Amino acid sequence: MAKDNIEGAPKKKGSFKKLLFIGVAAIALIGAGAGAGIYFGALQAHEAKPEDHFPKLVERSEGEPEPAAEGDDKEAPPKVGTVSVPNDKFKVDPKKYEITYYPIADSFTTNLADGSGFLQVGISLSTFYDGKVINNIKRQAVPIRSVVLMVLAEQDPALLSTSQGKQRLQRQLTAAINDVLRDKEGFGGIDNVYFTSLVIQ
């Protein structure tokens, strides 16, 4: 009988170690899972706010003058938006929001599609969004310039001589610039493209 107790003791000790090891491992896994859940939950909650990343609409102010630029070569301070939108395809009411015009400094010159001459165009962009859109335009100046030149090179001079052809070109340029901004910055925001000069020769 004494022999049975001595032989049984190591078996109980070994199974206790196994249970202890399994218990510690289970607690460690549960702790790691909870920690990862909290971390990724906080990360996702932070990224879910579009107002942190995307431009906001600038509400129209009644009677307040726009801030002026200081000095001859200085730009006016960028507008600050207050209205968040889910995406840049949000339908904007132009009566409720301020518009900003951003002139592209250099004109664009390219050969026409039929090879009969060239087209030189100066443009200005408009947006109802805050200074983030203007900063995005400045940051993506090279791909924007490239896509504008590609769109201009595809134009038919006969169509450009009509107002419908010019309006069609405005829509094409607006869509192309917004595509670049969406691809590079995640948000378009350009409402329209305006011609500051247009020469066909």
C-alpha atoms as a PDB file:
ATOM      1  CA  MET A   1       0.000   0.000   0.000  1.00  0.00           C
ATOM      2  CA  ALA A   2       2.854   2.336   0.824  1.00  0.00           C
ATOM      3  CA  LYS A   3       4.387   1.390  -2.487  1.00  0.00           C
ATOM      4  CA  ASP A   4       1.210   2.454  -4.344  1.00  0.00           C
ATOM      5  CA  ASN A   5       1.289   5.939  -2.735  1.00  0.00           C
ATOM      6  CA  ILE A   6       4.938   6.483  -3.663  1.00  0.00           C
ATOM      7  CA  GLU A   7       4.318   5.497  -7.295  1.00  0.00           C
ATOM      8  CA  GLY A   8       1.171   7.646  -7.521  1.00  0.00           C
ATOM      9  CA  ALA A   9       2.853  10.823  -6.245  1.00  0.00           C
ATOM     10  CA  PRO A  10       5.027  11.564  -9.330  1.00  0.00           C
ATOM     11  CA  LYS A  11       2.034  11.114 -11.636  1.00  0.00           C
ATOM     12  CA  LYS A  12       0.031  13.744  -9.707  1.00  0.00           C
ATOM     13  CA  LYS A  13       3.010  16.120  -9.692  1.00  0.00           C
ATOM     14  CA  GLY A  14       3.496  15.755 -13.490  1.00  0.00           C
ATOM     15  CA  SER A  15      -0.165  16.339 -14.283  1.00  0.00           C
ATOM     16  CA  PHE A  16      -0.214  19.383 -11.987  1.00  0.00           C
ATOM     17  CA  LYS A  17       2.714  20.873 -13.960  1.00  0.00           C
ATOM     18  CA  LYS A  18       0.877  20.229 -17.227  1.00  0.00           C
ATOM     19  CA  LEU A  19      -2.288  21.893 -15.944  1.00  0.00           C
ATOM     20  CA  LEU A  20      -0.289  24.843 -14.607  1.00  0.00           C
ATOM     21  CA  PHE A  21       1.520  25.257 -17.955  1.00  0.00           C
ATOM     22  CA  ILE A  22      -1.769  25.090 -19.930  1.00  0.00           C
ATOM     23  CA  GLY A  23      -3.384  27.614 -17.554  1.00  0.00           C
ATOM     24  CA  VAL A  24      -0.488  30.097 -17.882  1.00  0.00           C
ATOM     25  CA  ALA A  25      -0.476  29.707 -21.696  1.00  0.00           C
ATOM     26  CA  ALA A  26      -4.248  30.264 -21.868  1.00  0.00           C
ATOM     27  CA  ILE A  27      -4.011  33.429 -19.735  1.00  0.00           C
ATOM     28  CA  ALA A  28      -1.151  34.743 -21.904  1.00  0.00           C
ATOM     29  CA  LEU A  29      -3.138  34.142 -25.115  1.00  0.00           C
ATOM     30  CA  ILE A  30      -6.252  35.807 -23.697  1.00  0.00           C
ATOM     31  CA  GLY A  31      -4.170  38.809 -22.567  1.00  0.00           C
ATOM     32  CA  ALA A  32      -2.455  39.114 -25.948  1.00  0.00           C
ATOM     33  CA  GLY A  33      -5.801  38.872 -27.779  1.00  0.00           C
ATOM     34  CA  ALA A  34      -7.382  41.524 -25.565  1.00  0.00           C
ATOM     35  CA  GLY A  35      -4.379  43.823 -25.999  1.00  0.00           C
ATOM     36  CA  ALA A  36      -4.424  43.427 -29.788  1.00  0.00           C
ATOM     37  CA  GLY A  37      -8.167  44.039 -29.871  1.00  0.00           C
ATOM     38  CA  ILE A  38      -7.841  47.262 -27.893  1.00  0.00           C
ATOM     39  CA  TYR A  39      -4.914  48.463 -30.044  1.00  0.00           C
ATOM     40  CA  PHE A  40      -6.566  47.777 -33.404  1.00  0.00           C
ATOM     41  CA  GLY A  41      -9.924  49.070 -32.173  1.00  0.00           C
ATOM     42  CA  ALA A  42      -8.353  52.374 -31.164  1.00  0.00           C
ATOM     43  CA  LEU A  43      -6.438  52.543 -34.454  1.00  0.00           C
ATOM     44  CA  GLN A  44      -9.581  51.882 -36.491  1.00  0.00           C
ATOM     45  CA  ALA A  45     -11.626  54.407 -34.502  1.00  0.00           C
ATOM     46  CA  HIS A  46      -8.958  57.049 -35.149  1.00  0.00           C
ATOM     47  CA  GLU A  47      -8.795  56.290 -38.894  1.00  0.00           C
ATOM     48  CA  ALA A  48     -12.579  56.247 -39.268  1.00  0.00           C
ATOM     49  CA  LYS A  49     -12.816  60.031 -38.894  1.00  0.00           C
ATOM     50  CA  PRO A  50     -12.649  61.582 -42.384  1.00  0.00           C
ATOM     51  CA  GLU A  51     -12.317  65.056 -40.872  1.00  0.00           C
ATOM     52  CA  ASP A  52      -8.806  64.174 -39.737  1.00  0.00           C
ATOM     53  CA  HIS A  53      -7.551  63.546 -43.264  1.00  0.00           C
ATOM     54  CA  PHE A  54      -9.891  65.071 -45.807  1.00  0.00           C
ATOM     55  CA  PRO A  55     -10.590  68.701 -46.677  1.00  0.00           C
ATOM     56  CA  LYS A  56     -13.732  70.305 -45.256  1.00  0.00           C
ATOM     57  CA  LEU A  57     -16.246  72.617 -46.871  1.00  0.00           C
ATOM     58  CA  VAL A  58     -15.894  76.308 -46.074  1.00  0.00           C
ATOM     59  CA  GLU A  59     -19.212  77.822 -44.990  1.00  0.00           C
ATOM     60  CA  ARG A  60     -20.091  81.147 -46.582  1.00  0.00           C
ATOM     61  CA  SER A  61     -19.756  83.997 -44.103  1.00  0.00           C
ATOM     62  CA  GLU A  62     -22.131  86.931 -44.269  1.00  0.00           C
ATOM     63  CA  GLY A  63     -20.490  90.338 -44.468  1.00  0.00           C
ATOM     64  CA  GLU A  64     -17.022  89.302 -43.276  1.00  0.00           C
ATOM     65  CA  PRO A  65     -14.211  90.328 -45.643  1.00  0.00           C
ATOM     66  CA  GLU A  66     -11.786  87.653 -46.776  1.00  0.00           C
ATOM     67  CA  PRO A  67      -8.363  87.761 -45.127  1.00  0.00           C
ATOM     68  CA  ALA A  68      -5.996  89.639 -47.407  1.00  0.00           C
ATOM     69  CA  ALA A  69      -2.458  88.736 -48.327  1.00  0.00           C
ATOM     70  CA  GLU A  70       0.272  90.660 -46.557  1.00  0.00           C
ATOM     71  CA  GLY A  71       2.709  92.238 -49.038  1.00  0.00           C
ATOM     72  CA  ASP A  72       2.850  92.065 -52.836  1.00  0.00           C
ATOM     73  CA  ASP A  73       4.217  88.534 -53.268  1.00  0.00           C
ATOM     74  CA  LYS A  74       2.346  86.900 -50.373  1.00  0.00           C
ATOM     75  CA  GLU A  75      -0.658  84.621 -50.717  1.00  0.00           C
ATOM     76  CA  ALA A  76      -3.782  84.998 -48.598  1.00  0.00           C
ATOM     77  CA  PRO A  77      -3.870  82.545 -45.695  1.00  0.00           C
ATOM     78  CA  PRO A  78      -5.614  79.267 -46.585  1.00  0.00           C
ATOM     79  CA  LYS A  79      -9.294  79.032 -45.731  1.00  0.00           C
ATOM     80  CA  VAL A  80     -10.273  76.724 -42.880  1.00  0.00           C
ATOM     81  CA  GLY A  81     -13.259  74.467 -43.433  1.00  0.00           C
ATOM     82  CA  THR A  82     -15.738  73.376 -40.788  1.00  0.00           C
ATOM     83  CA  VAL A  83     -18.139  71.008 -42.596  1.00  0.00           C
ATOM     84  CA  SER A  84     -17.008  67.391 -43.003  1.00  0.00           C
ATOM     85  CA  VAL A  85     -18.267  65.335 -45.926  1.00  0.00           C
ATOM     86  CA  PRO A  86     -18.170  61.555 -46.497  1.00  0.00           C
ATOM     87  CA  ASN A  87     -16.361  61.863 -49.862  1.00  0.00           C
ATOM     88  CA  ASP A  88     -15.428  64.362 -52.570  1.00  0.00           C
ATOM     89  CA  LYS A  89     -18.452  63.459 -54.716  1.00  0.00           C
ATOM     90  CA  PHE A  90     -20.749  65.146 -52.170  1.00  0.00           C
ATOM     91  CA  LYS A  91     -23.246  67.496 -53.883  1.00  0.00           C
ATOM     92  CA  VAL A  92     -22.257  71.023 -52.822  1.00  0.00           C
ATOM     93  CA  ASP A  93     -24.762  73.897 -52.658  1.00  0.00           C
ATOM     94  CA  PRO A  94     -22.813  76.911 -54.028  1.00  0.00           C
ATOM     95  CA  LYS A  95     -25.058  79.332 -52.096  1.00  0.00           C
ATOM     96  CA  LYS A  96     -23.980  77.862 -48.746  1.00  0.00           C
ATOM     97  CA  TYR A  97     -20.222  77.495 -49.221  1.00  0.00           C
ATOM     98  CA  GLU A  98     -17.279  79.751 -50.081  1.00  0.00           C
ATOM     99  CA  ILE A  99     -15.413  79.152 -53.314  1.00  0.00           C
ATOM    100  CA  THR A 100     -11.657  79.519 -53.726  1.00  0.00           C
ATOM    101  CA  TYR A 101      -9.967  80.060 -57.080  1.00  0.00           C
ATOM    102  CA  TYR A 102      -6.429  78.809 -57.548  1.00  0.00           C
ATOM    103  CA  PRO A 103      -4.641  79.970 -60.733  1.00  0.00           C
ATOM    104  CA  ILE A 104      -2.032  77.616 -62.188  1.00  0.00           C
ATOM    105  CA  ALA A 105       0.983  79.865 -62.724  1.00  0.00           C
ATOM    106  CA  ASP A 106       2.320  78.550 -66.045  1.00  0.00           C
ATOM    107  CA  SER A 107       0.242  78.049 -69.164  1.00  0.00           C
ATOM    108  CA  PHE A 108       0.044  74.699 -70.975  1.00  0.00           C
ATOM    109  CA  THR A 109       1.208  74.323 -74.584  1.00  0.00           C
ATOM    110  CA  THR A 110       0.759  71.196 -76.690  1.00  0.00           C
ATOM    111  CA  ASN A 111       0.330  70.026 -80.275  1.00  0.00           C
ATOM    112  CA  LEU A 112      -3.238  69.345 -81.362  1.00  0.00           C
ATOM    113  CA  ALA A 113      -4.507  65.846 -82.107  1.00  0.00           C
ATOM    114  CA  ASP A 114      -4.581  66.306 -85.907  1.00  0.00           C
ATOM    115  CA  GLY A 115      -1.089  67.836 -85.974  1.00  0.00           C
ATOM    116  CA  SER A 116      -2.360  70.993 -87.667  1.00  0.00           C
ATOM    117  CA  GLY A 117      -1.188  73.387 -84.976  1.00  0.00           C
ATOM    118  CA  PHE A 118      -0.830  73.882 -81.259  1.00  0.00           C
ATOM    119  CA  LEU A 119      -2.964  74.841 -78.313  1.00  0.00           C
ATOM    120  CA  GLN A 120      -1.898  77.112 -75.461  1.00  0.00           C
ATOM    121  CA  VAL A 121      -4.144  77.292 -72.396  1.00  0.00           C
ATOM    122  CA  GLY A 122      -4.002  79.065 -69.045  1.00  0.00           C
ATOM    123  CA  ILE A 123      -6.267  77.669 -66.327  1.00  0.00           C
ATOM    124  CA  SER A 124      -7.539  78.399 -62.841  1.00  0.00           C
ATOM    125  CA  LEU A 125      -9.113  75.779 -60.546  1.00  0.00           C
ATOM    126  CA  SER A 126     -12.048  76.322 -58.193  1.00  0.00           C
ATOM    127  CA  THR A 127     -12.938  74.481 -54.994  1.00  0.00           C
ATOM    128  CA  PHE A 128     -15.501  74.794 -52.202  1.00  0.00           C
ATOM    129  CA  TYR A 129     -13.112  73.037 -49.811  1.00  0.00           C
ATOM    130  CA  ASP A 130     -10.499  74.455 -47.488  1.00  0.00           C
ATOM    131  CA  GLY A 131      -6.755  75.018 -47.907  1.00  0.00           C
ATOM    132  CA  LYS A 132      -6.019  71.272 -47.821  1.00  0.00           C
ATOM    133  CA  VAL A 133      -7.185  71.011 -51.450  1.00  0.00           C
ATOM    134  CA  ILE A 134      -4.870  73.865 -52.484  1.00  0.00           C
ATOM    135  CA  ASN A 135      -1.982  72.178 -50.661  1.00  0.00           C
ATOM    136  CA  ASN A 136      -2.823  68.901 -52.435  1.00  0.00           C
ATOM    137  CA  ILE A 137      -2.775  70.700 -55.806  1.00  0.00           C
ATOM    138  CA  LYS A 138       0.637  72.200 -55.037  1.00  0.00           C
ATOM    139  CA  ARG A 139       2.011  68.863 -53.837  1.00  0.00           C
ATOM    140  CA  GLN A 140       0.750  67.051 -56.961  1.00  0.00           C
ATOM    141  CA  ALA A 141       1.688  69.773 -59.467  1.00  0.00           C
ATOM    142  CA  VAL A 142       3.765  67.437 -61.668  1.00  0.00           C
ATOM    143  CA  PRO A 143       1.127  64.709 -62.246  1.00  0.00           C
ATOM    144  CA  ILE A 144      -1.579  67.379 -62.634  1.00  0.00           C
ATOM    145  CA  ARG A 145       0.500  69.162 -65.293  1.00  0.00           C
ATOM    146  CA  SER A 146       1.076  65.852 -67.066  1.00  0.00           C
ATOM    147  CA  VAL A 147      -2.606  64.856 -67.168  1.00  0.00           C
ATOM    148  CA  VAL A 148      -3.671  68.338 -68.348  1.00  0.00           C
ATOM    149  CA  LEU A 149      -1.187  68.150 -71.240  1.00  0.00           C
ATOM    150  CA  MET A 150      -2.468  64.679 -72.178  1.00  0.00           C
ATOM    151  CA  VAL A 151      -6.101  65.858 -72.227  1.00  0.00           C
ATOM    152  CA  LEU A 152      -5.194  68.959 -74.275  1.00  0.00           C
ATOM    153  CA  ALA A 153      -3.231  66.915 -76.834  1.00  0.00           C
ATOM    154  CA  GLU A 154      -6.365  64.851 -77.614  1.00  0.00           C
ATOM    155  CA  GLN A 155      -8.478  67.882 -78.560  1.00  0.00           C
ATOM    156  CA  ASP A 156      -9.954  68.501 -81.996  1.00  0.00           C
ATOM    157  CA  PRO A 157      -9.387  72.153 -83.034  1.00  0.00           C
ATOM    158  CA  ALA A 158     -12.763  72.286 -84.822  1.00  0.00           C
ATOM    159  CA  LEU A 159     -14.564  71.388 -81.570  1.00  0.00           C
ATOM    160  CA  LEU A 160     -12.536  73.865 -79.526  1.00  0.00           C
ATOM    161  CA  SER A 161     -13.735  76.719 -81.726  1.00  0.00           C
ATOM    162  CA  THR A 162     -17.272  76.248 -80.312  1.00  0.00           C
ATOM    163  CA  SER A 163     -18.477  77.102 -76.804  1.00  0.00           C
ATOM    164  CA  GLN A 164     -19.757  73.514 -76.401  1.00  0.00           C
ATOM    165  CA  GLY A 165     -16.272  72.225 -77.206  1.00  0.00           C
ATOM    166  CA  LYS A 166     -14.716  74.522 -74.610  1.00  0.00           C
ATOM    167  CA  GLN A 167     -17.257  73.454 -71.973  1.00  0.00           C
ATOM    168  CA  ARG A 168     -16.552  69.806 -72.798  1.00  0.00           C
ATOM    169  CA  LEU A 169     -12.812  70.470 -72.338  1.00  0.00           C
ATOM    170  CA  GLN A 170     -13.553  72.111 -68.954  1.00  0.00           C
ATOM    171  CA  ARG A 171     -15.400  68.957 -67.815  1.00  0.00           C
ATOM    172  CA  GLN A 172     -12.615  66.684 -69.087  1.00  0.00           C
ATOM    173  CA  LEU A 173      -9.922  68.697 -67.295  1.00  0.00           C
ATOM    174  CA  THR A 174     -11.948  68.810 -64.049  1.00  0.00           C
ATOM    175  CA  ALA A 175     -12.434  65.032 -64.104  1.00  0.00           C
ATOM    176  CA  ALA A 176      -8.778  64.354 -64.978  1.00  0.00           C
ATOM    177  CA  ILE A 177      -7.415  66.611 -62.196  1.00  0.00           C
ATOM    178  CA  ASN A 178      -9.832  65.129 -59.643  1.00  0.00           C
ATOM    179  CA  ASP A 179      -8.715  61.629 -60.683  1.00  0.00           C
ATOM    180  CA  VAL A 180      -5.074  62.568 -60.006  1.00  0.00           C
ATOM    181  CA  LEU A 181      -5.934  64.067 -56.616  1.00  0.00           C
ATOM    182  CA  ARG A 182      -8.063  61.045 -55.631  1.00  0.00           C
ATOM    183  CA  ASP A 183      -5.291  58.677 -56.657  1.00  0.00           C
ATOM    184  CA  LYS A 184      -2.478  60.573 -54.917  1.00  0.00           C
ATOM    185  CA  GLU A 185      -4.253  62.229 -51.966  1.00  0.00           C
ATOM    186  CA  GLY A 186      -7.481  60.236 -51.518  1.00  0.00           C
ATOM    187  CA  PHE A 187      -9.688  63.276 -52.178  1.00  0.00           C
ATOM    188  CA  GLY A 188     -10.442  65.342 -55.307  1.00  0.00           C
ATOM    189  CA  GLY A 189     -12.364  68.497 -54.426  1.00  0.00           C
ATOM    190  CA  ILE A 190     -12.016  70.482 -57.685  1.00  0.00           C
ATOM    191  CA  ASP A 191     -15.375  71.958 -58.668  1.00  0.00           C
ATOM    192  CA  ASN A 192     -14.436  73.398 -62.059  1.00  0.00           C
ATOM    193  CA  VAL A 193     -11.598  74.453 -64.353  1.00  0.00           C
ATOM    194  CA  TYR A 194     -11.728  77.971 -65.830  1.00  0.00           C
ATOM    195  CA  PHE A 195      -9.748  79.243 -68.813  1.00  0.00           C
ATOM    196  CA  THR A 196      -7.663  82.331 -68.162  1.00  0.00           C
ATOM    197  CA  SER A 197      -6.318  82.180 -71.719  1.00  0.00           C
ATOM    198  CA  LEU A 198      -6.891  79.933 -74.735  1.00  0.00           C
ATOM    199  CA  VAL A 199      -4.959  80.254 -78.001  1.00  0.00           C
ATOM    200  CA  ILE A 200      -5.272  77.898 -80.978  1.00  0.00           C
ATOM    201  CA  GLN A 201      -2.755  78.301 -83.816  1.00  0.00           C
END
